[in-house]
Amino acid sequence: MPEQCGWAGLGGMGSGLAEQLRRCCAEKGLPAPLVWNRTKAKAEPLVAAGCKLASSPADLAQQCSIIFFMLASDAVAEKVFEDIASSRKERGLIVADCSTNAPPTAARLEALGQDQEPRIVYCACPVFGRPDAVRAGQLLFTVGGQSEARARVTPILEGMGRGVVDIGDAAEQAAIIKITGNYFIGNIIQMLGEGFALVEKAGLPKEVLMNIIKLMFNAPSFISYGNNMLHDIFVRTAEDPGQPLVNGTKDTEHAKALGKALGVPLPAADVILGNCKDMVERGGGDLDWSSACLPVREAAGVKSDKDLPS
């Protein structure tokens, strides 16, 4: 039987990924995916494009063989997974969670699925890339979970992005890789913020530093967040939803907890969190994560050209 895919969560990343799933299913001759979101209006463009609307997570559980998640928090992922687990009547369901969850959450959901009757296989499939990479089909996927489930999920993920990195048999390991990667991003934002503050305070044009970044550090995170700082673009839009600062704060807290659990000091985490929480307390939690550079610039006496939370 061909896989019947479903999608839960249509936020800034999820809506684009669900569209990539729709295209992938059409190319592979699979049935159109079912889509679900708490706010049904967000599903309307996908339904108009050919997806089928699911009325609830339980509806996904009853009709799908693979359900993909892209949900806002660990708590939401756990709630949706529990709703699906309580509604599933047959074996063979895979939940492929593309959300960014703490490693203990991934381990807990994988164990919960194994304890169900019928059993549900949970795979952690966190992604690397911003919404523009989603739209361009250039997202990088990771996948961790049971080998049989990975074998079923991987060809679909390959059709949705630029590649899949197989992490192995434990969902928790994929979550560790994702949290580590996002910790890199937090450090990149901190470094860029400090670097632009140095250059601006010295009276040099920001464009000079951005040119060096492009020539020497030509990687997506350096370029996208560097451009935000170059042009003071911190307000997220529908066209460029970016990564909300509050999500970056959550991911850095996950990294700090992971370091503590493994006995690995992460001193930069406290610096990154300090700047993130500063902006959140000012009401900037919905700004782009790159706005965490602003406390660094302000401490140096460098002001933004745009009106931002104070």
Protein backbone atom coordinates (compact mmCIF):
# COMPACT_ATOMS: atom_id res chain seq x y z
CA MET A 1 0.00 0.00 0.00
CA PRO A 2 1.28 3.49 -0.77
CA GLU A 3 2.05 5.72 2.19
CA GLN A 4 -0.69 8.12 3.24
CA CYS A 5 1.08 11.12 4.68
CA GLY A 6 -0.27 13.70 7.07
CA TRP A 7 1.02 16.99 8.41
CA ALA A 8 0.41 18.66 11.79
CA GLY A 9 1.44 22.29 12.39
CA LEU A 10 1.24 25.07 9.81
CA GLY A 11 3.28 27.90 11.28
CA GLY A 12 6.07 29.79 9.53
CA MET A 13 8.08 26.64 8.81
CA GLY A 14 5.28 24.09 8.83
CA SER A 15 3.19 25.64 6.06
CA GLY A 16 6.14 25.66 3.66
CA LEU A 17 7.13 22.12 4.59
CA ALA A 18 3.57 20.89 4.11
CA GLU A 19 3.63 22.39 0.62
CA GLN A 20 6.91 20.58 -0.08
CA LEU A 21 5.27 17.38 1.16
CA ARG A 22 2.33 17.95 -1.19
CA ARG A 23 4.70 18.37 -4.13
CA CYS A 24 6.74 15.33 -3.10
CA CYS A 25 3.65 13.12 -2.81
CA ALA A 26 2.44 14.25 -6.22
CA GLU A 27 5.84 13.50 -7.80
CA LYS A 28 6.01 10.05 -6.18
CA GLY A 29 2.42 9.15 -7.06
CA LEU A 30 1.36 9.05 -3.42
CA PRO A 31 -2.08 10.20 -2.22
CA ALA A 32 -2.43 13.88 -1.41
CA PRO A 33 -1.44 14.51 2.22
CA LEU A 34 -3.86 15.40 4.99
CA VAL A 35 -3.08 18.63 6.85
CA TRP A 36 -4.13 19.82 10.30
CA ASN A 37 -3.61 23.00 12.24
CA ARG A 38 -5.31 24.41 15.32
CA THR A 39 -6.26 27.48 13.26
CA LYS A 40 -8.02 25.96 10.27
CA ALA A 41 -7.63 29.08 8.11
CA LYS A 42 -3.89 28.35 7.81
CA ALA A 43 -4.73 25.11 6.01
CA GLU A 44 -6.89 26.75 3.35
CA PRO A 45 -4.09 27.49 0.81
CA LEU A 46 -2.87 23.89 1.06
CA VAL A 47 -6.37 22.48 0.66
CA ALA A 48 -6.87 24.73 -2.36
CA ALA A 49 -3.62 23.29 -3.79
CA GLY A 50 -4.88 19.72 -3.38
CA CYS A 51 -4.25 18.63 0.21
CA LYS A 52 -7.03 17.12 2.28
CA LEU A 53 -8.14 18.76 5.52
CA ALA A 54 -7.93 16.70 8.71
CA SER A 55 -10.36 17.72 11.41
CA SER A 56 -8.08 16.77 14.32
CA PRO A 57 -4.92 14.86 15.28
CA ALA A 58 -7.21 11.88 15.84
CA ASP A 59 -8.34 12.18 12.21
CA LEU A 60 -4.71 12.05 11.11
CA ALA A 61 -4.14 8.99 13.31
CA GLN A 62 -7.04 7.12 11.74
CA GLN A 63 -6.18 7.88 8.11
CA CYS A 64 -2.39 8.17 7.82
CA SER A 65 0.58 5.81 7.80
CA ILE A 66 3.16 8.60 8.35
CA ILE A 67 2.39 11.82 10.22
CA PHE A 68 4.87 14.69 10.11
CA PHE A 69 5.01 17.33 12.85
CA MET A 70 6.29 20.89 12.90
CA LEU A 71 5.01 22.24 16.20
CA ALA A 72 5.84 25.25 18.33
CA SER A 73 7.05 23.66 21.55
CA ASP A 74 7.84 20.42 23.33
CA ALA A 75 4.55 20.64 25.23
CA VAL A 76 2.52 20.98 22.04
CA ALA A 77 4.38 18.09 20.38
CA GLU A 78 3.69 15.88 23.40
CA LYS A 79 0.00 16.81 23.47
CA VAL A 80 -0.51 16.15 19.75
CA PHE A 81 1.42 12.88 19.97
CA GLU A 82 -0.70 11.73 22.91
CA ASP A 83 -3.89 12.61 21.00
CA ILE A 84 -2.69 10.55 18.05
CA ALA A 85 -1.60 7.63 20.23
CA SER A 86 -4.96 7.45 21.97
CA SER A 87 -6.80 7.39 18.62
CA ARG A 88 -4.76 4.92 16.58
CA LYS A 89 -6.34 1.51 16.09
CA GLU A 90 -3.85 -0.26 13.80
CA ARG A 91 -0.10 -0.93 13.80
CA GLY A 92 2.29 0.61 11.31
CA LEU A 93 2.03 4.33 12.11
CA ILE A 94 5.17 6.47 12.09
CA VAL A 95 5.33 9.94 13.60
CA ALA A 96 8.16 11.91 11.96
CA ASP A 97 8.67 14.97 14.14
CA CYS A 98 10.44 17.83 12.37
CA SER A 99 10.06 20.15 15.38
CA THR A 100 12.99 21.30 17.50
CA ASN A 101 12.52 19.47 20.80
CA ALA A 102 14.75 18.88 23.79
CA PRO A 103 16.52 15.49 23.64
CA PRO A 104 14.65 14.18 26.73
CA THR A 105 11.36 15.00 24.99
CA ALA A 106 12.37 13.00 21.92
CA ALA A 107 13.41 10.06 24.11
CA ARG A 108 10.15 10.26 26.06
CA LEU A 109 7.97 10.31 22.93
CA GLU A 110 9.90 7.41 21.39
CA ALA A 111 9.38 5.36 24.57
CA LEU A 112 5.72 6.36 24.77
CA GLY A 113 5.13 5.14 21.23
CA GLN A 114 6.71 1.78 22.02
CA ASP A 115 4.49 1.40 25.09
CA GLN A 116 1.31 1.93 23.06
CA GLU A 117 -0.90 -0.82 21.76
CA PRO A 118 -0.90 -0.67 18.83
CA ARG A 119 2.71 0.47 18.78
CA ILE A 120 3.62 3.82 17.19
CA VAL A 121 7.16 4.47 15.97
CA TYR A 122 8.46 7.95 16.74
CA CYS A 123 11.30 9.37 14.64
CA ALA A 124 12.95 12.71 15.33
CA CYS A 125 13.50 14.49 12.00
CA PRO A 126 14.60 18.03 12.96
CA VAL A 127 15.54 20.39 10.16
CA PHE A 128 18.24 22.95 9.42
CA GLY A 129 17.33 26.04 7.43
CA ARG A 130 15.15 29.12 7.42
CA PRO A 131 11.74 29.55 5.75
CA ASP A 132 13.35 30.77 2.51
CA ALA A 133 15.27 27.47 2.35
CA VAL A 134 11.99 25.60 2.85
CA ARG A 135 10.40 27.39 -0.09
CA ALA A 136 13.44 26.70 -2.27
CA GLY A 137 13.48 23.00 -1.36
CA GLN A 138 16.92 23.47 0.23
CA LEU A 139 16.18 22.41 3.80
CA LEU A 140 18.51 19.85 5.41
CA PHE A 141 16.80 17.06 7.35
CA THR A 142 18.16 14.77 10.03
CA VAL A 143 16.49 11.53 11.06
CA GLY A 144 16.86 9.35 14.13
CA GLY A 145 14.73 6.37 15.07
CA GLN A 146 14.16 2.70 14.32
CA SER A 147 15.80 1.55 11.09
CA GLU A 148 12.59 0.31 9.43
CA ALA A 149 10.88 3.62 10.10
CA ARG A 150 13.87 5.59 8.84
CA ALA A 151 13.78 3.58 5.63
CA ARG A 152 10.15 4.56 5.06
CA VAL A 153 10.52 8.22 6.02
CA THR A 154 13.84 9.05 4.34
CA PRO A 155 12.72 8.88 0.66
CA ILE A 156 9.92 11.34 1.43
CA LEU A 157 12.25 13.71 3.27
CA GLU A 158 14.70 13.51 0.36
CA GLY A 159 11.91 14.71 -1.92
CA MET A 160 11.24 17.71 0.32
CA GLY A 161 14.74 19.18 0.74
CA ARG A 162 18.38 19.03 -0.29
CA GLY A 163 19.40 16.04 1.79
CA VAL A 164 18.92 13.80 4.80
CA VAL A 165 21.54 13.03 7.45
CA ASP A 166 20.93 9.64 9.06
CA ILE A 167 21.72 9.93 12.78
CA GLY A 168 20.95 6.34 13.76
CA ASP A 169 18.54 4.26 15.81
CA ALA A 170 17.69 6.70 18.64
CA ALA A 171 15.37 9.69 18.20
CA GLU A 172 17.16 11.44 21.07
CA GLN A 173 20.42 11.51 19.09
CA ALA A 174 18.83 13.49 16.24
CA ALA A 175 17.49 15.97 18.80
CA ILE A 176 21.00 16.35 20.26
CA ILE A 177 22.40 17.15 16.81
CA LYS A 178 19.67 19.73 16.21
CA ILE A 179 20.11 21.45 19.56
CA THR A 180 23.87 21.53 19.00
CA GLY A 181 23.36 23.08 15.56
CA ASN A 182 21.04 25.73 16.96
CA TYR A 183 23.57 26.46 19.69
CA PHE A 184 26.02 27.17 16.86
CA ILE A 185 23.51 29.66 15.44
CA GLY A 186 23.15 31.42 18.78
CA ASN A 187 26.93 31.77 18.93
CA ILE A 188 27.05 33.05 15.34
CA ILE A 189 24.50 35.76 16.19
CA GLN A 190 26.54 36.71 19.26
CA MET A 191 29.79 36.85 17.26
CA LEU A 192 28.21 38.89 14.48
CA GLY A 193 26.67 41.30 16.97
CA GLU A 194 30.04 41.84 18.64
CA GLY A 195 31.81 42.17 15.30
CA PHE A 196 29.39 44.75 13.89
CA ALA A 197 29.58 46.68 17.19
CA LEU A 198 33.39 46.77 16.95
CA VAL A 199 33.35 47.97 13.35
CA GLU A 200 30.62 50.57 13.89
CA LYS A 201 32.26 51.93 17.06
CA ALA A 202 35.51 52.27 15.11
CA GLY A 203 33.70 54.39 12.53
CA LEU A 204 33.94 51.87 9.70
CA PRO A 205 31.02 51.17 7.36
CA LYS A 206 29.13 47.98 8.20
CA GLU A 207 29.24 47.09 4.50
CA VAL A 208 32.99 46.50 4.73
CA LEU A 209 32.54 43.83 7.39
CA MET A 210 29.64 42.27 5.49
CA ASN A 211 31.83 41.97 2.42
CA ILE A 212 34.48 40.14 4.47
CA ILE A 213 31.78 37.83 5.85
CA LYS A 214 30.63 37.00 2.31
CA LEU A 215 34.18 36.31 1.12
CA MET A 216 35.47 34.40 4.14
CA PHE A 217 32.44 32.95 5.99
CA ASN A 218 30.02 32.28 3.16
CA ALA A 219 27.57 30.05 5.01
CA PRO A 220 23.78 30.58 5.22
CA SER A 221 23.65 31.55 8.91
CA PHE A 222 26.46 34.09 8.58
CA ILE A 223 24.93 35.61 5.45
CA SER A 224 21.29 35.76 6.52
CA TYR A 225 21.89 37.02 10.06
CA GLY A 226 24.69 39.30 8.88
CA ASN A 227 22.35 40.90 6.36
CA ASN A 228 19.77 41.43 9.10
CA MET A 229 22.35 43.30 11.18
CA LEU A 230 23.68 45.20 8.18
CA HIS A 231 20.23 46.55 7.31
CA ASP A 232 18.66 46.48 10.81
CA ILE A 233 16.01 44.00 9.66
CA PHE A 234 14.68 42.46 12.85
CA VAL A 235 10.92 42.59 12.38
CA ARG A 236 9.61 39.31 10.99
CA THR A 237 7.18 39.41 8.07
CA ALA A 238 4.96 36.94 6.22
CA GLU A 239 7.46 37.00 3.34
CA ASP A 240 10.43 36.44 5.67
CA PRO A 241 9.20 34.91 8.95
CA GLY A 242 12.71 33.96 10.03
CA GLN A 243 13.22 32.44 13.46
CA PRO A 244 11.43 34.13 16.39
CA LEU A 245 13.70 35.27 19.19
CA VAL A 246 11.58 33.38 21.72
CA ASN A 247 12.33 30.13 19.84
CA GLY A 248 16.05 30.85 19.85
CA THR A 249 15.83 31.47 23.58
CA LYS A 250 14.11 28.11 24.08
CA ASP A 251 16.71 26.29 21.98
CA THR A 252 19.60 27.89 23.88
CA GLU A 253 17.99 26.83 27.16
CA HIS A 254 17.78 23.30 25.75
CA ALA A 255 21.50 23.47 24.87
CA LYS A 256 22.39 24.68 28.36
CA ALA A 257 20.36 21.84 29.92
CA LEU A 258 22.02 19.33 27.60
CA GLY A 259 25.47 20.57 28.57
CA LYS A 260 24.60 20.30 32.25
CA ALA A 261 23.24 16.76 31.80
CA LEU A 262 26.38 15.64 29.95
CA GLY A 263 28.86 17.53 32.12
CA VAL A 264 29.95 19.82 29.27
CA PRO A 265 30.47 23.49 30.23
CA LEU A 266 28.80 25.89 27.78
CA PRO A 267 29.78 29.33 29.09
CA ALA A 268 28.57 31.12 25.97
CA ALA A 269 25.04 29.89 26.63
CA ASP A 270 24.66 32.28 29.56
CA VAL A 271 25.81 35.22 27.46
CA ILE A 272 23.43 34.34 24.61
CA LEU A 273 20.54 33.77 27.01
CA GLY A 274 21.21 37.07 28.75
CA ASN A 275 20.82 38.99 25.49
CA CYS A 276 17.82 36.96 24.35
CA LYS A 277 15.98 37.40 27.65
CA ASP A 278 16.80 41.11 27.64
CA MET A 279 14.98 41.47 24.32
CA VAL A 280 12.08 39.23 25.39
CA GLU A 281 11.58 41.34 28.53
CA ARG A 282 11.31 44.42 26.33
CA GLY A 283 8.52 42.78 24.36
CA GLY A 284 10.75 41.67 21.48
CA GLY A 285 10.09 37.94 21.67
CA ASP A 286 8.47 37.90 18.22
CA LEU A 287 11.38 39.70 16.56
CA ASP A 288 13.91 37.71 14.56
CA TRP A 289 16.50 35.83 16.63
CA SER A 290 19.19 38.10 15.15
CA SER A 291 17.77 40.95 17.27
CA ALA A 292 19.72 39.40 20.16
CA CYS A 293 22.62 41.46 18.79
CA LEU A 294 20.97 44.69 19.96
CA PRO A 295 21.97 44.54 23.65
CA VAL A 296 25.58 44.05 22.52
CA ARG A 297 25.40 47.09 20.24
CA GLU A 298 23.63 49.17 22.87
CA ALA A 299 26.26 48.33 25.49
CA ALA A 300 28.85 49.62 23.02
CA GLY A 301 26.87 52.83 22.46
CA VAL A 302 25.85 51.84 18.93
CA LYS A 303 22.24 52.58 18.09
CA SER A 304 19.94 50.92 15.56
CA ASP A 305 18.50 52.93 12.68
CA LYS A 306 15.06 51.41 13.32
CA ASP A 307 12.55 51.81 16.14
CA LEU A 308 12.86 48.73 18.36
CA PRO A 309 11.71 47.73 21.86
CA SER A 310 13.37 49.80 24.58
